[in-house]
Structure formats: structure tokens, C-alpha cells
Amino acid sequence: MDILIGASLGLAIGAICRWLDIPSPAPPTPIGALLVVAMTAGYVIAGNLV
């Protein structure tokens, strides 16, 4: 359930940034995007271990 809420919130923030022409808070490069994915995966895995 937490993953669904997190993904929905991320999509909502991205859509709002796009509609209001606000610069996206995500990095614009593929390496930066992979870093965000890695941090998110680490957070989810650590949450499952605790």
C-alpha cells in the first residue's frame, strides 16, 4: 500500500510541475534518474527488512 501511495504522489507532483511549468525536482539526466531509482529501491528494501 505504501508503494502505491508513493508512486501516486510522485506522479501527481510530476504532473503538477509539468502543468504549472515549474522545473521538475528530478534530475534531468539518465544517471541522475538511476540514482533516484536506486535510492528509492534502497528505501523500500530497508523498510522491508525492519
PDB file of N, CA and C in Angstrom:
ATOM      1  N   MET A   1       0.818  -1.193   0.000  1.00  0.00           N
ATOM      2  CA  MET A   1       0.000   0.000   0.000  1.00  0.00           C
ATOM      3  C   MET A   1       0.863   1.259   0.000  1.00  0.00           C
ATOM      4  N   ASP A   2       1.976   1.221   0.752  1.00  0.00           N
ATOM      5  CA  ASP A   2       2.863   2.378   0.813  1.00  0.00           C
ATOM      6  C   ASP A   2       3.479   2.676  -0.550  1.00  0.00           C
ATOM      7  N   ILE A   3       3.806   1.627  -1.298  1.00  0.00           N
ATOM      8  CA  ILE A   3       4.407   1.824  -2.618  1.00  0.00           C
ATOM      9  C   ILE A   3       3.413   2.489  -3.559  1.00  0.00           C
ATOM     10  N   LEU A   4       2.161   2.086  -3.489  1.00  0.00           N
ATOM     11  CA  LEU A   4       1.123   2.684  -4.325  1.00  0.00           C
ATOM     12  C   LEU A   4       0.926   4.163  -3.988  1.00  0.00           C
ATOM     13  N   ILE A   5       0.919   4.486  -2.714  1.00  0.00           N
ATOM     14  CA  ILE A   5       0.774   5.885  -2.291  1.00  0.00           C
ATOM     15  C   ILE A   5       1.976   6.698  -2.759  1.00  0.00           C
ATOM     16  N   GLY A   6       3.182   6.157  -2.603  1.00  0.00           N
ATOM     17  CA  GLY A   6       4.395   6.859  -3.033  1.00  0.00           C
ATOM     18  C   GLY A   6       4.427   7.093  -4.531  1.00  0.00           C
ATOM     19  N   ALA A   7       4.057   6.075  -5.297  1.00  0.00           N
ATOM     20  CA  ALA A   7       4.040   6.222  -6.757  1.00  0.00           C
ATOM     21  C   ALA A   7       2.987   7.232  -7.192  1.00  0.00           C
ATOM     22  N   SER A   8       1.823   7.203  -6.560  1.00  0.00           N
ATOM     23  CA  SER A   8       0.763   8.166  -6.896  1.00  0.00           C
ATOM     24  C   SER A   8       1.200   9.588  -6.573  1.00  0.00           C
ATOM     25  N   LEU A   9       1.827   9.767  -5.435  1.00  0.00           N
ATOM     26  CA  LEU A   9       2.306  11.092  -5.047  1.00  0.00           C
ATOM     27  C   LEU A   9       3.384  11.590  -6.013  1.00  0.00           C
ATOM     28  N   GLY A  10       4.291  10.709  -6.408  1.00  0.00           N
ATOM     29  CA  GLY A  10       5.329  11.085  -7.367  1.00  0.00           C
ATOM     30  C   GLY A  10       4.747  11.486  -8.714  1.00  0.00           C
ATOM     31  N   LEU A  11       3.777  10.732  -9.192  1.00  0.00           N
ATOM     32  CA  LEU A  11       3.137  11.072 -10.463  1.00  0.00           C
ATOM     33  C   LEU A  11       2.366  12.385 -10.362  1.00  0.00           C
ATOM     34  N   ALA A  12       1.721  12.607  -9.219  1.00  0.00           N
ATOM     35  CA  ALA A  12       0.975  13.855  -9.039  1.00  0.00           C
ATOM     36  C   ALA A  12       1.911  15.055  -9.012  1.00  0.00           C
ATOM     37  N   ILE A  13       3.020  14.942  -8.307  1.00  0.00           N
ATOM     38  CA  ILE A  13       3.982  16.048  -8.255  1.00  0.00           C
ATOM     39  C   ILE A  13       4.549  16.315  -9.645  1.00  0.00           C
ATOM     40  N   GLY A  14       4.884  15.268 -10.381  1.00  0.00           N
ATOM     41  CA  GLY A  14       5.391  15.436 -11.743  1.00  0.00           C
ATOM     42  C   GLY A  14       4.380  16.112 -12.657  1.00  0.00           C
ATOM     43  N   ALA A  15       3.112  15.707 -12.557  1.00  0.00           N
ATOM     44  CA  ALA A  15       2.068  16.305 -13.392  1.00  0.00           C
ATOM     45  C   ALA A  15       1.861  17.773 -13.044  1.00  0.00           C
ATOM     46  N   ILE A  16       1.842  18.086 -11.767  1.00  0.00           N
ATOM     47  CA  ILE A  16       1.659  19.483 -11.347  1.00  0.00           C
ATOM     48  C   ILE A  16       2.821  20.343 -11.819  1.00  0.00           C
ATOM     49  N   CYS A  17       4.033  19.822 -11.695  1.00  0.00           N
ATOM     50  CA  CYS A  17       5.208  20.568 -12.180  1.00  0.00           C
ATOM     51  C   CYS A  17       5.106  20.816 -13.681  1.00  0.00           C
ATOM     52  N   ARG A  18       4.627  19.845 -14.430  1.00  0.00           N
ATOM     53  CA  ARG A  18       4.508  19.983 -15.881  1.00  0.00           C
ATOM     54  C   ARG A  18       3.434  21.007 -16.244  1.00  0.00           C
ATOM     55  N   TRP A  19       2.285  20.916 -15.595  1.00  0.00           N
ATOM     56  CA  TRP A  19       1.168  21.819 -15.916  1.00  0.00           C
ATOM     57  C   TRP A  19       1.464  23.266 -15.538  1.00  0.00           C
ATOM     58  N   LEU A  20       2.189  23.473 -14.444  1.00  0.00           N
ATOM     59  CA  LEU A  20       2.464  24.830 -13.979  1.00  0.00           C
ATOM     60  C   LEU A  20       3.807  25.363 -14.476  1.00  0.00           C
ATOM     61  N   ASP A  21       4.476  24.612 -15.344  1.00  0.00           N
ATOM     62  CA  ASP A  21       5.797  24.982 -15.886  1.00  0.00           C
ATOM     63  C   ASP A  21       6.822  25.259 -14.789  1.00  0.00           C
ATOM     64  N   ILE A  22       6.749  24.472 -13.727  1.00  0.00           N
ATOM     65  CA  ILE A  22       7.734  24.539 -12.648  1.00  0.00           C
ATOM     66  C   ILE A  22       8.816  23.514 -12.987  1.00  0.00           C
ATOM     67  N   PRO A  23      10.090  23.869 -12.824  1.00  0.00           N
ATOM     68  CA  PRO A  23      11.136  22.873 -13.091  1.00  0.00           C
ATOM     69  C   PRO A  23      10.949  21.625 -12.223  1.00  0.00           C
ATOM     70  N   SER A  24      11.081  20.481 -12.847  1.00  0.00           N
ATOM     71  CA  SER A  24      10.894  19.217 -12.141  1.00  0.00           C
ATOM     72  C   SER A  24      11.959  19.036 -11.070  1.00  0.00           C
ATOM     73  N   PRO A  25      11.573  18.511  -9.904  1.00  0.00           N
ATOM     74  CA  PRO A  25      12.566  18.275  -8.853  1.00  0.00           C
ATOM     75  C   PRO A  25      13.459  17.070  -9.128  1.00  0.00           C
ATOM     76  N   ALA A  26      13.209  16.345 -10.219  1.00  0.00           N
ATOM     77  CA  ALA A  26      14.016  15.172 -10.559  1.00  0.00           C
ATOM     78  C   ALA A  26      15.201  15.583 -11.437  1.00  0.00           C
ATOM     79  N   PRO A  27      16.295  14.860 -11.343  1.00  0.00           N
ATOM     80  CA  PRO A  27      17.447  15.172 -12.193  1.00  0.00           C
ATOM     81  C   PRO A  27      17.132  14.897 -13.667  1.00  0.00           C
ATOM     82  N   PRO A  28      17.604  15.743 -14.579  1.00  0.00           N
ATOM     83  CA  PRO A  28      17.257  15.603 -15.993  1.00  0.00           C
ATOM     84  C   PRO A  28      18.113  14.603 -16.768  1.00  0.00           C
ATOM     85  N   THR A  29      19.105  13.993 -16.146  1.00  0.00           N
ATOM     86  CA  THR A  29      19.994  13.079 -16.862  1.00  0.00           C
ATOM     87  C   THR A  29      19.662  11.629 -16.507  1.00  0.00           C
ATOM     88  N   PRO A  30      19.988  10.695 -17.387  1.00  0.00           N
ATOM     89  CA  PRO A  30      19.726   9.275 -17.076  1.00  0.00           C
ATOM     90  C   PRO A  30      20.464   8.798 -15.824  1.00  0.00           C
ATOM     91  N   ILE A  31      21.681   9.274 -15.610  1.00  0.00           N
ATOM     92  CA  ILE A  31      22.432   8.870 -14.411  1.00  0.00           C
ATOM     93  C   ILE A  31      21.726   9.372 -13.151  1.00  0.00           C
ATOM     94  N   GLY A  32      21.242  10.599 -13.202  1.00  0.00           N
ATOM     95  CA  GLY A  32      20.516  11.146 -12.064  1.00  0.00           C
ATOM     96  C   GLY A  32      19.229  10.392 -11.801  1.00  0.00           C
ATOM     97  N   ALA A  33      18.548  10.015 -12.874  1.00  0.00           N
ATOM     98  CA  ALA A  33      17.310   9.253 -12.718  1.00  0.00           C
ATOM     99  C   ALA A  33      17.602   7.876 -12.116  1.00  0.00           C
ATOM    100  N   LEU A  34      18.688   7.247 -12.534  1.00  0.00           N
ATOM    101  CA  LEU A  34      19.069   5.956 -11.952  1.00  0.00           C
ATOM    102  C   LEU A  34      19.415   6.099 -10.474  1.00  0.00           C
ATOM    103  N   LEU A  35      20.012   7.229 -10.112  1.00  0.00           N
ATOM    104  CA  LEU A  35      20.319   7.477  -8.705  1.00  0.00           C
ATOM    105  C   LEU A  35      19.036   7.559  -7.885  1.00  0.00           C
ATOM    106  N   VAL A  36      18.030   8.233  -8.404  1.00  0.00           N
ATOM    107  CA  VAL A  36      16.741   8.320  -7.708  1.00  0.00           C
ATOM    108  C   VAL A  36      16.111   6.938  -7.580  1.00  0.00           C
ATOM    109  N   VAL A  37      16.165   6.139  -8.631  1.00  0.00           N
ATOM    110  CA  VAL A  37      15.616   4.780  -8.584  1.00  0.00           C
ATOM    111  C   VAL A  37      16.371   3.941  -7.560  1.00  0.00           C
ATOM    112  N   ALA A  38      17.692   4.060  -7.526  1.00  0.00           N
ATOM    113  CA  ALA A  38      18.493   3.290  -6.570  1.00  0.00           C
ATOM    114  C   ALA A  38      18.170   3.701  -5.131  1.00  0.00           C
ATOM    115  N   MET A  39      18.029   4.991  -4.881  1.00  0.00           N
ATOM    116  CA  MET A  39      17.696   5.447  -3.529  1.00  0.00           C
ATOM    117  C   MET A  39      16.308   4.959  -3.122  1.00  0.00           C
ATOM    118  N   THR A  40      15.367   4.998  -4.051  1.00  0.00           N
ATOM    119  CA  THR A  40      14.020   4.526  -3.751  1.00  0.00           C
ATOM    120  C   THR A  40      14.019   3.031  -3.474  1.00  0.00           C
ATOM    121  N   ALA A  41      14.738   2.271  -4.285  1.00  0.00           N
ATOM    122  CA  ALA A  41      14.815   0.818  -4.070  1.00  0.00           C
ATOM    123  C   ALA A  41      15.460   0.509  -2.724  1.00  0.00           C
ATOM    124  N   GLY A  42      16.508   1.229  -2.379  1.00  0.00           N
ATOM    125  CA  GLY A  42      17.156   1.036  -1.085  1.00  0.00           C
ATOM    126  C   GLY A  42      16.213   1.336   0.071  1.00  0.00           C
ATOM    127  N   TYR A  43      15.435   2.382  -0.076  1.00  0.00           N
ATOM    128  CA  TYR A  43      14.462   2.745   0.960  1.00  0.00           C
ATOM    129  C   TYR A  43      13.410   1.647   1.131  1.00  0.00           C
ATOM    130  N   VAL A  44      12.920   1.146   0.018  1.00  0.00           N
ATOM    131  CA  VAL A  44      11.890   0.095   0.082  1.00  0.00           C
ATOM    132  C   VAL A  44      12.461  -1.185   0.669  1.00  0.00           C
ATOM    133  N   ILE A  45      13.660  -1.569   0.244  1.00  0.00           N
ATOM    134  CA  ILE A  45      14.284  -2.798   0.755  1.00  0.00           C
ATOM    135  C   ILE A  45      14.568  -2.675   2.243  1.00  0.00           C
ATOM    136  N   ALA A  46      15.106  -1.533   2.672  1.00  0.00           N
ATOM    137  CA  ALA A  46      15.377  -1.341   4.091  1.00  0.00           C
ATOM    138  C   ALA A  46      14.092  -1.352   4.900  1.00  0.00           C
ATOM    139  N   GLY A  47      13.024  -0.813   4.363  1.00  0.00           N
ATOM    140  CA  GLY A  47      11.739  -0.834   5.049  1.00  0.00           C
ATOM    141  C   GLY A  47      11.191  -2.246   5.217  1.00  0.00           C
ATOM    142  N   ASN A  48      11.485  -3.112   4.255  1.00  0.00           N
ATOM    143  CA  ASN A  48      11.025  -4.496   4.340  1.00  0.00           C
ATOM    144  C   ASN A  48      11.851  -5.309   5.331  1.00  0.00           C
ATOM    145  N   LEU A  49      13.099  -4.933   5.547  1.00  0.00           N
ATOM    146  CA  LEU A  49      13.975  -5.660   6.453  1.00  0.00           C
ATOM    147  C   LEU A  49      13.704  -5.308   7.908  1.00  0.00           C
ATOM    148  N   VAL A  50      13.189  -4.153   8.153  1.00  0.00           N
ATOM    149  CA  VAL A  50      12.972  -3.713   9.541  1.00  0.00           C
ATOM    150  C   VAL A  50      11.644  -4.141  10.061  1.00  0.00           C
TER     151      VAL A  50
END
